[in-house]
Structures are given as C-alpha cells and as structure tokens.
C-alpha atoms as a PDB file:
ATOM      1  CA  LEU A   1      43.959 -54.714 -39.038  1.00  0.00           C
ATOM      2  CA  ASN A   2      41.782 -55.652 -36.091  1.00  0.00           C
ATOM      3  CA  ILE A   3      44.410 -58.032 -34.684  1.00  0.00           C
ATOM      4  CA  THR A   4      47.494 -56.428 -36.155  1.00  0.00           C
ATOM      5  CA  PHE A   5      50.075 -55.644 -33.428  1.00  0.00           C
ATOM      6  CA  PHE A   6      51.058 -51.926 -33.240  1.00  0.00           C
ATOM      7  CA  GLY A   7      53.250 -52.030 -30.132  1.00  0.00           C
ATOM      8  CA  GLN A   8      52.583 -50.687 -26.696  1.00  0.00           C
ATOM      9  CA  GLN A   9      49.941 -53.410 -26.021  1.00  0.00           C
ATOM     10  CA  ALA A  10      47.828 -52.060 -28.938  1.00  0.00           C
ATOM     11  CA  TYR A  11      46.143 -54.670 -31.221  1.00  0.00           C
ATOM     12  CA  GLY A  12      44.179 -53.267 -34.172  1.00  0.00           C
ATOM     13  CA  VAL A  13      44.206 -49.801 -35.644  1.00  0.00           C
ATOM     14  CA  GLU A  14      41.500 -48.382 -33.358  1.00  0.00           C
ATOM     15  CA  ALA A  15      43.457 -49.544 -30.222  1.00  0.00           C
ATOM     16  CA  ALA A  16      46.648 -48.031 -31.680  1.00  0.00           C
ATOM     17  CA  SER A  17      44.945 -44.795 -32.492  1.00  0.00           C
ATOM     18  CA  GLN A  18      43.579 -44.493 -28.912  1.00  0.00           C
ATOM     19  CA  ARG A  19      47.036 -45.617 -27.382  1.00  0.00           C
ATOM     20  CA  TYR A  20      49.155 -43.099 -29.254  1.00  0.00           C
ATOM     21  CA  PHE A  21      46.866 -40.222 -30.074  1.00  0.00           C
ATOM     22  CA  SER A  22      43.873 -40.670 -27.780  1.00  0.00           C
ATOM     23  CA  LYS A  23      41.364 -40.393 -30.656  1.00  0.00           C
ATOM     24  CA  HIS A  24      39.349 -42.741 -32.898  1.00  0.00           C
ATOM     25  CA  ALA A  25      41.103 -44.015 -35.969  1.00  0.00           C
ATOM     26  CA  LYS A  26      38.561 -42.225 -38.159  1.00  0.00           C
ATOM     27  CA  ASP A  27      39.812 -38.984 -36.863  1.00  0.00           C
ATOM     28  CA  LEU A  28      43.400 -39.446 -37.563  1.00  0.00           C
ATOM     29  CA  LYS A  29      45.326 -36.871 -39.587  1.00  0.00           C
ATOM     30  CA  VAL A  30      47.435 -38.209 -42.678  1.00  0.00           C
ATOM     31  CA  GLU A  31      50.647 -37.975 -40.744  1.00  0.00           C
ATOM     32  CA  GLU A  32      49.294 -39.795 -37.729  1.00  0.00           C
ATOM     33  CA  ALA A  33      47.849 -42.644 -39.919  1.00  0.00           C
ATOM     34  CA  ALA A  34      51.178 -42.943 -41.697  1.00  0.00           C
ATOM     35  CA  LEU A  35      52.916 -43.203 -38.317  1.00  0.00           C
ATOM     36  CA  LEU A  36      50.707 -46.139 -37.238  1.00  0.00           C
ATOM     37  CA  ALA A  37      51.055 -47.755 -40.703  1.00  0.00           C
ATOM     38  CA  GLY A  38      54.918 -47.649 -40.296  1.00  0.00           C
ATOM     39  CA  ILE A  39      54.950 -49.166 -36.855  1.00  0.00           C
ATOM     40  CA  VAL A  40      53.622 -52.442 -38.032  1.00  0.00           C
ATOM     41  CA  GLN A  41      56.723 -53.611 -39.789  1.00  0.00           C
ATOM     42  CA  SER A  42      58.746 -53.442 -36.502  1.00  0.00           C
ATOM     43  CA  PRO A  43      56.753 -52.376 -33.394  1.00  0.00           C
ATOM     44  CA  THR A  44      59.799 -52.186 -31.150  1.00  0.00           C
ATOM     45  CA  ARG A  45      62.129 -50.421 -33.495  1.00  0.00           C
ATOM     46  CA  TYR A  46      59.478 -47.877 -34.657  1.00  0.00           C
ATOM     47  CA  ASP A  47      57.911 -47.329 -31.162  1.00  0.00           C
ATOM     48  CA  PRO A  48      57.198 -43.535 -31.147  1.00  0.00           C
ATOM     49  CA  VAL A  49      57.036 -43.432 -27.466  1.00  0.00           C
ATOM     50  CA  ASN A  50      60.566 -44.717 -26.895  1.00  0.00           C
ATOM     51  CA  ASP A  51      62.300 -43.505 -30.209  1.00  0.00           C
ATOM     52  CA  THR A  52      60.554 -40.641 -31.903  1.00  0.00           C
ATOM     53  CA  GLU A  53      63.387 -40.196 -34.446  1.00  0.00           C
ATOM     54  CA  GLU A  54      63.105 -43.723 -35.856  1.00  0.00           C
ATOM     55  CA  ALA A  55      59.383 -43.571 -35.855  1.00  0.00           C
ATOM     56  CA  THR A  56      59.453 -40.342 -37.832  1.00  0.00           C
ATOM     57  CA  LYS A  57      61.796 -41.709 -40.366  1.00  0.00           C
ATOM     58  CA  ARG A  58      59.489 -44.664 -40.952  1.00  0.00           C
ATOM     59  CA  ARG A  59      56.459 -42.389 -40.998  1.00  0.00           C
ATOM     60  CA  ASN A  60      58.050 -40.314 -43.827  1.00  0.00           C
ATOM     61  CA  THR A  61      58.946 -43.499 -45.705  1.00  0.00           C
ATOM     62  CA  VAL A  62      55.190 -44.379 -45.591  1.00  0.00           C
ATOM     63  CA  LEU A  63      54.223 -40.910 -46.716  1.00  0.00           C
ATOM     64  CA  THR A  64      56.619 -41.042 -49.652  1.00  0.00           C
ATOM     65  CA  ARG A  65      55.107 -44.384 -50.619  1.00  0.00           C
ATOM     66  CA  MET A  66      51.535 -42.998 -50.361  1.00  0.00           C
ATOM     67  CA  ALA A  67      52.400 -40.139 -52.602  1.00  0.00           C
ATOM     68  CA  ALA A  68      54.060 -42.538 -55.127  1.00  0.00           C
ATOM     69  CA  THR A  69      50.914 -44.735 -55.307  1.00  0.00           C
ATOM     70  CA  ARG A  70      48.751 -41.460 -55.469  1.00  0.00           C
ATOM     71  CA  ALA A  71      46.910 -42.280 -52.220  1.00  0.00           C
ATOM     72  CA  ILE A  72      47.753 -38.626 -51.382  1.00  0.00           C
ATOM     73  CA  THR A  73      49.284 -35.783 -53.417  1.00  0.00           C
ATOM     74  CA  GLN A  74      53.042 -34.994 -53.212  1.00  0.00           C
ATOM     75  CA  ALA A  75      52.038 -31.593 -51.629  1.00  0.00           C
ATOM     76  CA  GLU A  76      50.128 -33.427 -48.876  1.00  0.00           C
ATOM     77  CA  ALA A  77      52.991 -35.827 -48.291  1.00  0.00           C
ATOM     78  CA  ASP A  78      55.445 -32.971 -48.058  1.00  0.00           C
ATOM     79  CA  LYS A  79      53.285 -31.122 -45.589  1.00  0.00           C
ATOM     80  CA  ALA A  80      52.708 -34.162 -43.465  1.00  0.00           C
ATOM     81  CA  MET A  81      56.500 -34.898 -43.425  1.00  0.00           C
ATOM     82  CA  GLU A  82      57.198 -31.422 -42.180  1.00  0.00           C
ATOM     83  CA  THR A  83      54.875 -31.943 -39.296  1.00  0.00           C
ATOM     84  CA  PRO A  84      56.579 -33.162 -35.944  1.00  0.00           C
ATOM     85  CA  VAL A  85      55.253 -36.300 -34.279  1.00  0.00           C
ATOM     86  CA  LYS A  86      52.850 -35.189 -31.689  1.00  0.00           C
ATOM     87  CA  LEU A  87      51.664 -37.934 -29.429  1.00  0.00           C
ATOM     88  CA  LYS A  88      48.920 -37.939 -26.854  1.00  0.00           C
ATOM     89  CA  VAL A  89      49.634 -41.185 -25.230  1.00  0.00           C
ATOM     90  CA  ARG A  90      46.868 -42.908 -23.347  1.00  0.00           C
ATOM     91  CA  GLU A  91      48.048 -45.544 -20.828  1.00  0.00           C
ATOM     92  CA  PRO A  92      46.729 -48.967 -21.665  1.00  0.00           C
ATOM     93  CA  LYS A  93      43.921 -50.368 -19.445  1.00  0.00           C
ATOM     94  CA  ARG A  94      44.487 -54.013 -20.505  1.00  0.00           C
ATOM     95  CA  GLY A  95      47.170 -56.490 -20.768  1.00  0.00           C
ATOM     96  CA  CYS A  96      49.965 -57.522 -18.399  1.00  0.00           C
ATOM     97  CA  ILE A  97      51.037 -53.976 -17.774  1.00  0.00           C
ATOM     98  CA  THR A  98      47.995 -53.802 -15.609  1.00  0.00           C
ATOM     99  CA  ALA A  99      48.738 -56.957 -13.657  1.00  0.00           C
ATOM    100  CA  VAL A 100      48.267 -56.610  -9.989  1.00  0.00           C
ATOM    101  CA  SER A 101      50.895 -57.210  -7.201  1.00  0.00           C
ATOM    102  CA  GLY A 102      53.740 -56.581  -9.479  1.00  0.00           C
ATOM    103  CA  SER A 103      53.021 -59.848 -11.435  1.00  0.00           C
ATOM    104  CA  GLY A 104      53.605 -58.384 -14.855  1.00  0.00           C
ATOM    105  CA  PHE A 105      56.390 -60.792 -15.695  1.00  0.00           C
ATOM    106  CA  PHE A 106      54.403 -63.789 -14.516  1.00  0.00           C
ATOM    107  CA  CYS A 107      51.489 -62.622 -16.633  1.00  0.00           C
ATOM    108  CA  ASP A 108      53.556 -62.149 -19.655  1.00  0.00           C
ATOM    109  CA  TYR A 109      55.043 -65.601 -19.211  1.00  0.00           C
ATOM    110  CA  VAL A 110      51.537 -67.126 -19.272  1.00  0.00           C
ATOM    111  CA  ARG A 111      50.770 -65.129 -22.321  1.00  0.00           C
ATOM    112  CA  GLN A 112      53.956 -66.334 -24.103  1.00  0.00           C
ATOM    113  CA  THR A 113      53.233 -69.786 -23.174  1.00  0.00           C
ATOM    114  CA  ILE A 114      49.844 -69.691 -24.878  1.00  0.00           C
ATOM    115  CA  LEU A 115      51.081 -67.835 -27.989  1.00  0.00           C
ATOM    116  CA  SER A 116      53.793 -70.449 -28.447  1.00  0.00           C
ATOM    117  CA  ASP A 117      51.730 -73.612 -27.966  1.00  0.00           C
ATOM    118  CA  PRO A 118      50.118 -75.054 -31.056  1.00  0.00           C
ATOM    119  CA  ALA A 119      47.307 -76.558 -28.922  1.00  0.00           C
ATOM    120  CA  PHE A 120      45.899 -73.030 -28.864  1.00  0.00           C
ATOM    121  CA  GLY A 121      46.042 -72.523 -32.678  1.00  0.00           C
ATOM    122  CA  LYS A 122      47.968 -73.693 -35.712  1.00  0.00           C
ATOM    123  CA  THR A 123      49.541 -70.315 -36.369  1.00  0.00           C
ATOM    124  CA  GLU A 124      50.771 -67.494 -34.138  1.00  0.00           C
ATOM    125  CA  GLN A 125      47.987 -65.334 -35.681  1.00  0.00           C
ATOM    126  CA  GLU A 126      45.342 -67.760 -34.625  1.00  0.00           C
ATOM    127  CA  ARG A 127      46.789 -68.001 -31.057  1.00  0.00           C
ATOM    128  CA  SER A 128      46.980 -64.288 -30.828  1.00  0.00           C
ATOM    129  CA  LYS A 129      43.471 -63.863 -31.893  1.00  0.00           C
ATOM    130  CA  LEU A 130      42.353 -66.433 -29.340  1.00  0.00           C
ATOM    131  CA  TRP A 131      44.300 -64.627 -26.599  1.00  0.00           C
ATOM    132  CA  ASN A 132      42.848 -61.206 -27.452  1.00  0.00           C
ATOM    133  CA  LEU A 133      39.381 -62.101 -28.625  1.00  0.00           C
ATOM    134  CA  GLY A 134      38.663 -65.611 -27.401  1.00  0.00           C
ATOM    135  CA  GLY A 135      37.116 -64.669 -24.029  1.00  0.00           C
ATOM    136  CA  LEU A 136      39.518 -66.985 -22.304  1.00  0.00           C
ATOM    137  CA  THR A 137      39.443 -67.602 -18.501  1.00  0.00           C
ATOM    138  CA  VAL A 138      43.016 -68.458 -17.447  1.00  0.00           C
ATOM    139  CA  LYS A 139      43.707 -69.895 -14.019  1.00  0.00           C
ATOM    140  CA  THR A 140      47.407 -69.777 -12.904  1.00  0.00           C
ATOM    141  CA  THR A 141      49.557 -70.875  -9.992  1.00  0.00           C
ATOM    142  CA  LEU A 142      50.458 -67.386  -8.952  1.00  0.00           C
ATOM    143  CA  ASP A 143      50.746 -66.882  -5.265  1.00  0.00           C
ATOM    144  CA  PRO A 144      50.327 -63.176  -4.377  1.00  0.00           C
ATOM    145  CA  ARG A 145      52.332 -63.432  -1.188  1.00  0.00           C
ATOM    146  CA  ALA A 146      55.109 -65.274  -2.887  1.00  0.00           C
ATOM    147  CA  GLN A 147      55.063 -62.697  -5.651  1.00  0.00           C
ATOM    148  CA  GLN A 148      55.401 -59.907  -3.125  1.00  0.00           C
ATOM    149  CA  ALA A 149      58.279 -61.669  -1.560  1.00  0.00           C
ATOM    150  CA  ALA A 150      59.983 -62.188  -5.000  1.00  0.00           C
ATOM    151  CA  ASN A 151      59.668 -58.495  -5.785  1.00  0.00           C
ATOM    152  CA  GLU A 152      61.211 -57.545  -2.395  1.00  0.00           C
ATOM    153  CA  ALA A 153      64.072 -59.994  -2.749  1.00  0.00           C
ATOM    154  CA  ALA A 154      64.811 -58.860  -6.387  1.00  0.00           C
ATOM    155  CA  THR A 155      64.912 -55.204  -5.383  1.00  0.00           C
ATOM    156  CA  ALA A 156      66.681 -55.538  -1.955  1.00  0.00           C
ATOM    157  CA  ARG A 157      70.182 -55.245  -3.267  1.00  0.00           C
ATOM    158  CA  VAL A 158      69.809 -54.227  -6.808  1.00  0.00           C
ATOM    159  CA  ASN A 159      68.309 -50.967  -7.991  1.00  0.00           C
ATOM    160  CA  LYS A 160      66.193 -50.658 -11.004  1.00  0.00           C
ATOM    161  CA  ASP A 161      68.663 -48.246 -12.654  1.00  0.00           C
ATOM    162  CA  ASP A 162      71.710 -50.574 -12.024  1.00  0.00           C
ATOM    163  CA  LYS A 163      73.683 -51.903 -14.991  1.00  0.00           C
ATOM    164  CA  PHE A 164      72.771 -55.395 -13.936  1.00  0.00           C
ATOM    165  CA  ALA A 165      69.374 -56.770 -13.066  1.00  0.00           C
ATOM    166  CA  ALA A 166      68.109 -59.305 -10.568  1.00  0.00           C
ATOM    167  CA  SER A 167      65.541 -61.971 -11.173  1.00  0.00           C
ATOM    168  CA  VAL A 168      63.746 -64.271  -8.757  1.00  0.00           C
ATOM    169  CA  VAL A 169      61.470 -67.165  -9.345  1.00  0.00           C
ATOM    170  CA  GLN A 170      59.772 -69.388  -6.819  1.00  0.00           C
ATOM    171  CA  VAL A 171      58.772 -72.905  -7.771  1.00  0.00           C
ATOM    172  CA  GLU A 172      56.832 -75.277  -5.513  1.00  0.00           C
ATOM    173  CA  PRO A 173      58.885 -78.476  -4.780  1.00  0.00           C
ATOM    174  CA  GLY A 174      57.223 -81.589  -6.029  1.00  0.00           C
ATOM    175  CA  SER A 175      54.580 -80.056  -8.197  1.00  0.00           C
ATOM    176  CA  GLY A 176      56.799 -77.706 -10.123  1.00  0.00           C
ATOM    177  CA  LYS A 177      54.208 -74.939  -9.944  1.00  0.00           C
ATOM    178  CA  ILE A 178      55.607 -71.505 -10.681  1.00  0.00           C
ATOM    179  CA  LEU A 179      54.442 -69.372  -7.679  1.00  0.00           C
ATOM    180  CA  SER A 180      56.101 -66.051  -8.553  1.00  0.00           C
ATOM    181  CA  MET A 181      58.381 -64.085 -10.991  1.00  0.00           C
ATOM    182  CA  GLY A 182      59.999 -60.856  -9.849  1.00  0.00           C
ATOM    183  CA  GLN A 183      62.809 -58.619 -11.130  1.00  0.00           C
ATOM    184  CA  SER A 184      64.674 -55.534 -10.019  1.00  0.00           C
ATOM    185  CA  ARG A 185      63.423 -53.640 -12.885  1.00  0.00           C
ATOM    186  CA  PRO A 186      59.724 -53.016 -12.913  1.00  0.00           C
ATOM    187  CA  TYR A 187      57.492 -54.414 -15.656  1.00  0.00           C
ATOM    188  CA  GLY A 188      56.465 -51.797 -18.065  1.00  0.00           C
ATOM    189  CA  LEU A 189      57.168 -50.013 -21.396  1.00  0.00           C
ATOM    190  CA  ASN A 190      58.791 -46.731 -20.217  1.00  0.00           C
ATOM    191  CA  GLN A 191      62.414 -47.120 -20.815  1.00  0.00           C
ATOM    192  CA  LYS A 192      63.072 -43.730 -19.165  1.00  0.00           C
ATOM    193  CA  LYS A 193      61.834 -45.176 -15.918  1.00  0.00           C
ATOM    194  CA  ASN A 194      63.998 -48.211 -16.303  1.00  0.00           C
ATOM    195  CA  GLU A 195      60.966 -50.453 -16.977  1.00  0.00           C
ATOM    196  CA  THR A 196      61.291 -53.523 -19.125  1.00  0.00           C
ATOM    197  CA  VAL A 197      59.125 -56.356 -20.555  1.00  0.00           C
ATOM    198  CA  LEU A 198      62.194 -58.614 -20.974  1.00  0.00           C
ATOM    199  CA  ASN A 199      61.717 -61.560 -18.674  1.00  0.00           C
ATOM    200  CA  LEU A 200      65.205 -62.552 -17.481  1.00  0.00           C
ATOM    201  CA  ALA A 201      63.888 -65.756 -15.788  1.00  0.00           C
ATOM    202  CA  VAL A 202      63.110 -67.626 -18.964  1.00  0.00           C
ATOM    203  CA  SER A 203      64.853 -68.759 -22.184  1.00  0.00           C
ATOM    204  CA  ASN A 204      65.345 -66.371 -25.103  1.00  0.00           C
ATOM    205  CA  LYS A 205      62.464 -67.810 -26.954  1.00  0.00           C
ATOM    206  CA  MET A 206      60.130 -66.660 -24.128  1.00  0.00           C
ATOM    207  CA  GLY A 207      62.112 -63.664 -22.833  1.00  0.00           C
ATOM    208  CA  GLY A 208      59.153 -61.409 -22.678  1.00  0.00           C
ATOM    209  CA  SER A 209      57.135 -59.703 -25.222  1.00  0.00           C
ATOM    210  CA  THR A 210      58.253 -56.430 -26.815  1.00  0.00           C
ATOM    211  CA  TYR A 211      54.970 -54.877 -25.955  1.00  0.00           C
ATOM    212  CA  GLY A 212      53.922 -55.908 -22.469  1.00  0.00           C
END
C-alpha cells in the first residue's frame, strides 16, 4: 500500500490519511479506513473531495464487504455506514500542484513522460515507484519567462470559467525544446474553482493525470 494511488496526489495509505483526514493512518476510524480502501478502485470517480456521494456509496460497499468477511461486525458496519463523510483535507505539499510560476501542466507532462517510458521501468508500477521514491533529479527545458507569457496569453481572452478553454505551448525552433505549457484554466484539483489537471496541449494518452 506504500505506492498505491489514492487520488489527490496521495501515494500510500499514510499519505492518503494525511491528505483526506489530516491524521495518521493508525488513527483512522473504521468508516474513514473504508473510504480510503474504496478510493483505490477508481481514484477519480470516488474522489471524496469532488464527489462525496459517489465516495460514500463506495465506502458503504467496502463496509458491507468487511462485515461479510467478518473483519468487523454487522453492527459496526451499520454504524459506520450511518456516519456522514467528514473530511479534513490537507493541501498537498508535493507534486505538480506545487509547481512554481504556473508550470503545473509542464510538470505533469514531464511526469507522464517518465511514467509512460519503459526506459524508466518495465511496468507502470515500477516507473511510478521510481518517480515517487527514486530520488530523481529531473532537469527540464522550462523557461520561466516563457511560462509566464504562455499563462498570460492563455488567459487574456478566455476566462477560467468559460465553456471552452485555451492552451498555449511554446517550442524552441530548431531544437524542439518545449519552453512552456499554459492554459486558461489553472492547474489543480478543485473543480469548484474551475481547476483541472487535464493537459489540452498533448494527446489523449498523455492528457494529464487525474491526480495532479
């Protein structure tokens, strides 16, 4: 469970516990532990920050299964299912959501490149472990001034809450180096603020992580 993805940039049950409940995993209540266990199947669909209803349904499915396998009693399961989901979300302090100069989409592109390249591991799990635990030093072609210009250009005529979104990418002629990636919608996980991790500048295969 140390490298399992729980959405919202949380890898591992301890990170997920801190992210959603601001507490250590060992201190989780039954209903909280069940919520985290349910997220793993589909971190985007069962994201309790953006869809409490779906997350609650999934949590209750896990609790039902726990009772059926006698991990907990039926009475404990019933009590837990009656408990509303109460999050105490702690903003992540790592990952592309913390990227400086509005370069979240660029950062995520680099991340997706590594996670999809077999040169960094035979399986996606191996590549993910390398990215999160490998102590990598990654040097990129990002130009902070170009990034600022891209952000300004993308938001100049399109608002973040518009139905359509704008995307700007700057590539250096000759070398092909990507200097910036900007969008009219800010990089992030809060859909209520019109944030997104979907990178419109790349193909569907690398269209941004669902977790930032």
